[in-house]
C-alpha cells in the first residue's frame, strides 16, 4: 500500500491497513507525518477561532508528545496489565498504528466552515476514537475489541494527565523566565 492508501485504510477502519503498518518497521516516519498533518489541519481549521502562531506550534509539540506518551502507556497497559494470550507487541508497532489512526483528523481543516465546522469536529472526534481502538486492537493482537477500548481509554486518560502536568510545568518555567 502507498502512504495515501494506508491513511485511507486506517480511516476506513481497515484492519489490514493497520496490520501492514504494524509490521512495516520503516513506516514510523510515515506515522509521524500523519500525526503532523492531522495536527496542522486542526490548526488551520481553528483559524476561525483565532488560534494560530505560537498556539499552533505548541499544539504540534503537544500532539507529538501525546502520540508518544499514548503509545507508550498503551503498550505498557496492553502488554503487561491486560494482555491476551496472543499479545505480542513492541512500542514501535503502537507508534505506527496510533499514528495512522489520526488520519481522520486531517478533515479538521474544514472546521472553519460556519455551522458545519462544529458538527464536523464532533464527527471527526468520534471517528478518531474508533480508529484508535482499531489501532490498539491490531497492534496488541487482541481478539477482544472491548479490551482494546479499555486500553485506549486508560492510555488516553493517563497520557492526558501526563501532558497536563508537563504542560503546567513548562508554562511555569517559561513564565518565570519571561518575568
Foldseek 3Di string as FASTA:
>chain_A
DDLVVLLVCLLVLNLVSLLVQLPDLVCLVSLLVLLQLLLVLLQLLCVLVVDDDPNSVVSSVLSVLLLLQLLVQLCCCDVPPNADPPFDADSSSSSRQLSSLSSLSNVLNNLNPPPVNVVSVVVSVVSSLSSQLSNSCSRRVHPDSVSSNVSNVVSNVVSVVVSVVVVVVVVVVVVVVVD
